[in-house]
Amino acid sequence: MFLNIFNSATAHIKGGKKHPKIDGTVTFKETKSGVLVTAKINGLPKSANKCI
């Protein structure tokens, strides 16, 4: 599907004092039709509220 990848960049995500367990990677890959963004993030806090 995305065979022509031209440039790519990676961002490393780390939580702060309030949420130190957050850790992950976000990858940006330039393709012929735009930018493909993927995220793998662990340790996100759980909310008591329902997601909308």
PDB file of N, CA and C in Angstrom:
ATOM      1  N   MET A   1       0.821  -1.195   0.000  1.00  0.00           N
ATOM      2  CA  MET A   1       0.000   0.000   0.000  1.00  0.00           C
ATOM      3  C   MET A   1       0.863   1.256   0.000  1.00  0.00           C
ATOM      4  N   PHE A   2       1.862   1.338   0.902  1.00  0.00           N
ATOM      5  CA  PHE A   2       2.755   2.490   0.974  1.00  0.00           C
ATOM      6  C   PHE A   2       4.156   2.033   0.594  1.00  0.00           C
ATOM      7  N   LEU A   3       4.355   1.691  -0.649  1.00  0.00           N
ATOM      8  CA  LEU A   3       5.643   1.153  -1.080  1.00  0.00           C
ATOM      9  C   LEU A   3       6.712   2.215  -1.256  1.00  0.00           C
ATOM     10  N   ASN A   4       6.318   3.421  -1.612  1.00  0.00           N
ATOM     11  CA  ASN A   4       7.289   4.487  -1.862  1.00  0.00           C
ATOM     12  C   ASN A   4       7.422   5.382  -0.631  1.00  0.00           C
ATOM     13  N   ILE A   5       8.334   5.038   0.272  1.00  0.00           N
ATOM     14  CA  ILE A   5       8.588   5.865   1.445  1.00  0.00           C
ATOM     15  C   ILE A   5       9.852   6.667   1.176  1.00  0.00           C
ATOM     16  N   PHE A   6       9.735   8.005   1.276  1.00  0.00           N
ATOM     17  CA  PHE A   6      10.832   8.895   0.914  1.00  0.00           C
ATOM     18  C   PHE A   6      11.683   9.287   2.122  1.00  0.00           C
ATOM     19  N   ASN A   7      11.070   9.846   3.134  1.00  0.00           N
ATOM     20  CA  ASN A   7      11.776  10.269   4.339  1.00  0.00           C
ATOM     21  C   ASN A   7      11.000   9.780   5.548  1.00  0.00           C
ATOM     22  N   SER A   8      11.693   9.640   6.662  1.00  0.00           N
ATOM     23  CA  SER A   8      10.993   9.245   7.877  1.00  0.00           C
ATOM     24  C   SER A   8      11.652   9.906   9.082  1.00  0.00           C
ATOM     25  N   ALA A   9      10.855  10.040  10.147  1.00  0.00           N
ATOM     26  CA  ALA A   9      11.348  10.605  11.400  1.00  0.00           C
ATOM     27  C   ALA A   9      10.653   9.867  12.536  1.00  0.00           C
ATOM     28  N   THR A  10      11.323   9.821  13.671  1.00  0.00           N
ATOM     29  CA  THR A  10      10.768   9.145  14.840  1.00  0.00           C
ATOM     30  C   THR A  10      10.862  10.067  16.044  1.00  0.00           C
ATOM     31  N   ALA A  11       9.786  10.102  16.826  1.00  0.00           N
ATOM     32  CA  ALA A  11       9.768  10.867  18.074  1.00  0.00           C
ATOM     33  C   ALA A  11       9.577   9.893  19.233  1.00  0.00           C
ATOM     34  N   HIS A  12      10.369  10.046  20.272  1.00  0.00           N
ATOM     35  CA  HIS A  12      10.244   9.203  21.455  1.00  0.00           C
ATOM     36  C   HIS A  12       9.433   9.965  22.496  1.00  0.00           C
ATOM     37  N   ILE A  13       8.420   9.308  23.053  1.00  0.00           N
ATOM     38  CA  ILE A  13       7.501   9.936  23.991  1.00  0.00           C
ATOM     39  C   ILE A  13       7.799   9.414  25.398  1.00  0.00           C
ATOM     40  N   LYS A  14       7.952  10.323  26.352  1.00  0.00           N
ATOM     41  CA  LYS A  14       8.151   9.957  27.755  1.00  0.00           C
ATOM     42  C   LYS A  14       7.211  10.799  28.597  1.00  0.00           C
ATOM     43  N   GLY A  15       6.598  10.174  29.595  1.00  0.00           N
ATOM     44  CA  GLY A  15       5.713  10.899  30.500  1.00  0.00           C
ATOM     45  C   GLY A  15       6.501  11.784  31.449  1.00  0.00           C
ATOM     46  N   GLY A  16       5.792  12.702  32.053  1.00  0.00           N
ATOM     47  CA  GLY A  16       6.402  13.608  33.017  1.00  0.00           C
ATOM     48  C   GLY A  16       6.136  13.154  34.446  1.00  0.00           C
ATOM     49  N   LYS A  17       6.256  14.068  35.386  1.00  0.00           N
ATOM     50  CA  LYS A  17       6.085  13.750  36.803  1.00  0.00           C
ATOM     51  C   LYS A  17       4.680  13.223  37.102  1.00  0.00           C
ATOM     52  N   LYS A  18       3.681  13.779  36.443  1.00  0.00           N
ATOM     53  CA  LYS A  18       2.293  13.397  36.710  1.00  0.00           C
ATOM     54  C   LYS A  18       1.964  12.011  36.131  1.00  0.00           C
ATOM     55  N   HIS A  19       2.575  11.632  35.010  1.00  0.00           N
ATOM     56  CA  HIS A  19       2.316  10.347  34.352  1.00  0.00           C
ATOM     57  C   HIS A  19       3.640   9.713  33.904  1.00  0.00           C
ATOM     58  N   PRO A  20       4.459   9.258  34.836  1.00  0.00           N
ATOM     59  CA  PRO A  20       5.789   8.752  34.487  1.00  0.00           C
ATOM     60  C   PRO A  20       5.795   7.429  33.726  1.00  0.00           C
ATOM     61  N   LYS A  21       4.680   6.704  33.708  1.00  0.00           N
ATOM     62  CA  LYS A  21       4.647   5.403  33.030  1.00  0.00           C
ATOM     63  C   LYS A  21       4.421   5.522  31.527  1.00  0.00           C
ATOM     64  N   ILE A  22       4.091   6.720  31.052  1.00  0.00           N
ATOM     65  CA  ILE A  22       3.884   6.898  29.609  1.00  0.00           C
ATOM     66  C   ILE A  22       5.214   6.773  28.889  1.00  0.00           C
ATOM     67  N   ASP A  23       5.226   5.934  27.856  1.00  0.00           N
ATOM     68  CA  ASP A  23       6.447   5.691  27.098  1.00  0.00           C
ATOM     69  C   ASP A  23       6.044   5.192  25.710  1.00  0.00           C
ATOM     70  N   GLY A  24       6.692   5.707  24.680  1.00  0.00           N
ATOM     71  CA  GLY A  24       6.345   5.215  23.355  1.00  0.00           C
ATOM     72  C   GLY A  24       7.104   5.880  22.240  1.00  0.00           C
ATOM     73  N   THR A  25       6.651   5.577  21.029  1.00  0.00           N
ATOM     74  CA  THR A  25       7.287   6.065  19.814  1.00  0.00           C
ATOM     75  C   THR A  25       6.219   6.500  18.814  1.00  0.00           C
ATOM     76  N   VAL A  26       6.460   7.626  18.176  1.00  0.00           N
ATOM     77  CA  VAL A  26       5.621   8.086  17.070  1.00  0.00           C
ATOM     78  C   VAL A  26       6.512   8.167  15.840  1.00  0.00           C
ATOM     79  N   THR A  27       6.062   7.558  14.745  1.00  0.00           N
ATOM     80  CA  THR A  27       6.845   7.530  13.513  1.00  0.00           C
ATOM     81  C   THR A  27       6.105   8.276  12.413  1.00  0.00           C
ATOM     82  N   PHE A  28       6.832   9.093  11.681  1.00  0.00           N
ATOM     83  CA  PHE A  28       6.301   9.857  10.553  1.00  0.00           C
ATOM     84  C   PHE A  28       7.016   9.381   9.297  1.00  0.00           C
ATOM     85  N   LYS A  29       6.252   8.933   8.300  1.00  0.00           N
ATOM     86  CA  LYS A  29       6.849   8.458   7.051  1.00  0.00           C
ATOM     87  C   LYS A  29       6.211   9.183   5.879  1.00  0.00           C
ATOM     88  N   GLU A  30       7.042   9.849   5.101  1.00  0.00           N
ATOM     89  CA  GLU A  30       6.563  10.561   3.917  1.00  0.00           C
ATOM     90  C   GLU A  30       6.308   9.546   2.804  1.00  0.00           C
ATOM     91  N   THR A  31       5.125   9.600   2.227  1.00  0.00           N
ATOM     92  CA  THR A  31       4.768   8.721   1.119  1.00  0.00           C
ATOM     93  C   THR A  31       4.367   9.572  -0.075  1.00  0.00           C
ATOM     94  N   LYS A  32       4.099   8.913  -1.171  1.00  0.00           N
ATOM     95  CA  LYS A  32       3.687   9.626  -2.374  1.00  0.00           C
ATOM     96  C   LYS A  32       2.382  10.394  -2.158  1.00  0.00           C
ATOM     97  N   SER A  33       1.512   9.875  -1.305  1.00  0.00           N
ATOM     98  CA  SER A  33       0.205  10.479  -1.126  1.00  0.00           C
ATOM     99  C   SER A  33       0.049  11.255   0.177  1.00  0.00           C
ATOM    100  N   GLY A  34       1.118  11.480   0.925  1.00  0.00           N
ATOM    101  CA  GLY A  34       1.027  12.246   2.172  1.00  0.00           C
ATOM    102  C   GLY A  34       1.991  11.723   3.213  1.00  0.00           C
ATOM    103  N   VAL A  35       1.640  11.896   4.474  1.00  0.00           N
ATOM    104  CA  VAL A  35       2.484  11.445   5.576  1.00  0.00           C
ATOM    105  C   VAL A  35       1.720  10.398   6.382  1.00  0.00           C
ATOM    106  N   LEU A  36       2.352   9.264   6.587  1.00  0.00           N
ATOM    107  CA  LEU A  36       1.790   8.191   7.393  1.00  0.00           C
ATOM    108  C   LEU A  36       2.328   8.355   8.806  1.00  0.00           C
ATOM    109  N   VAL A  37       1.419   8.482   9.791  1.00  0.00           N
ATOM    110  CA  VAL A  37       1.809   8.655  11.185  1.00  0.00           C
ATOM    111  C   VAL A  37       1.352   7.424  11.965  1.00  0.00           C
ATOM    112  N   THR A  38       2.281   6.794  12.670  1.00  0.00           N
ATOM    113  CA  THR A  38       1.935   5.663  13.525  1.00  0.00           C
ATOM    114  C   THR A  38       2.427   5.948  14.931  1.00  0.00           C
ATOM    115  N   ALA A  39       1.664   5.490  15.912  1.00  0.00           N
ATOM    116  CA  ALA A  39       2.038   5.715  17.308  1.00  0.00           C
ATOM    117  C   ALA A  39       1.904   4.420  18.088  1.00  0.00           C
ATOM    118  N   LYS A  40       2.908   4.132  18.893  1.00  0.00           N
ATOM    119  CA  LYS A  40       2.870   3.014  19.827  1.00  0.00           C
ATOM    120  C   LYS A  40       3.209   3.592  21.190  1.00  0.00           C
ATOM    121  N   ILE A  41       2.175   3.715  22.028  1.00  0.00           N
ATOM    122  CA  ILE A  41       2.348   4.374  23.324  1.00  0.00           C
ATOM    123  C   ILE A  41       1.801   3.463  24.414  1.00  0.00           C
ATOM    124  N   ASN A  42       2.594   3.245  25.428  1.00  0.00           N
ATOM    125  CA  ASN A  42       2.223   2.407  26.568  1.00  0.00           C
ATOM    126  C   ASN A  42       2.088   3.262  27.820  1.00  0.00           C
ATOM    127  N   GLY A  43       1.355   2.748  28.797  1.00  0.00           N
ATOM    128  CA  GLY A  43       1.276   3.392  30.107  1.00  0.00           C
ATOM    129  C   GLY A  43       0.336   4.568  30.177  1.00  0.00           C
ATOM    130  N   LEU A  44      -0.594   4.684  29.232  1.00  0.00           N
ATOM    131  CA  LEU A  44      -1.544   5.795  29.293  1.00  0.00           C
ATOM    132  C   LEU A  44      -2.466   5.619  30.501  1.00  0.00           C
ATOM    133  N   PRO A  45      -2.789   6.716  31.187  1.00  0.00           N
ATOM    134  CA  PRO A  45      -3.655   6.602  32.359  1.00  0.00           C
ATOM    135  C   PRO A  45      -5.084   6.244  31.951  1.00  0.00           C
ATOM    136  N   LYS A  46      -5.755   5.508  32.826  1.00  0.00           N
ATOM    137  CA  LYS A  46      -7.146   5.156  32.584  1.00  0.00           C
ATOM    138  C   LYS A  46      -8.039   6.252  33.153  1.00  0.00           C
ATOM    139  N   SER A  47      -9.137   6.503  32.456  1.00  0.00           N
ATOM    140  CA  SER A  47     -10.075   7.524  32.878  1.00  0.00           C
ATOM    141  C   SER A  47     -11.330   6.868  33.457  1.00  0.00           C
ATOM    142  N   ALA A  48     -11.904   7.498  34.439  1.00  0.00           N
ATOM    143  CA  ALA A  48     -13.164   7.019  34.985  1.00  0.00           C
ATOM    144  C   ALA A  48     -14.336   7.366  34.064  1.00  0.00           C
ATOM    145  N   ASN A  49     -14.110   8.330  33.167  1.00  0.00           N
ATOM    146  CA  ASN A  49     -15.140   8.752  32.216  1.00  0.00           C
ATOM    147  C   ASN A  49     -15.136   7.871  30.997  1.00  0.00           C
ATOM    148  N   LYS A  50     -16.280   7.762  30.341  1.00  0.00           N
ATOM    149  CA  LYS A  50     -16.365   7.000  29.097  1.00  0.00           C
ATOM    150  C   LYS A  50     -15.788   7.817  27.958  1.00  0.00           C
ATOM    151  N   CYS A  51     -15.192   7.148  27.003  1.00  0.00           N
ATOM    152  CA  CYS A  51     -14.717   7.814  25.794  1.00  0.00           C
ATOM    153  C   CYS A  51     -15.908   8.122  24.900  1.00  0.00           C
ATOM    154  N   ILE A  52     -15.832   9.229  24.237  1.00  0.00           N
ATOM    155  CA  ILE A  52     -16.927   9.607  23.325  1.00  0.00           C
ATOM    156  C   ILE A  52     -16.507   9.337  21.914  1.00  0.00           C
TER     157      ILE A  52
END
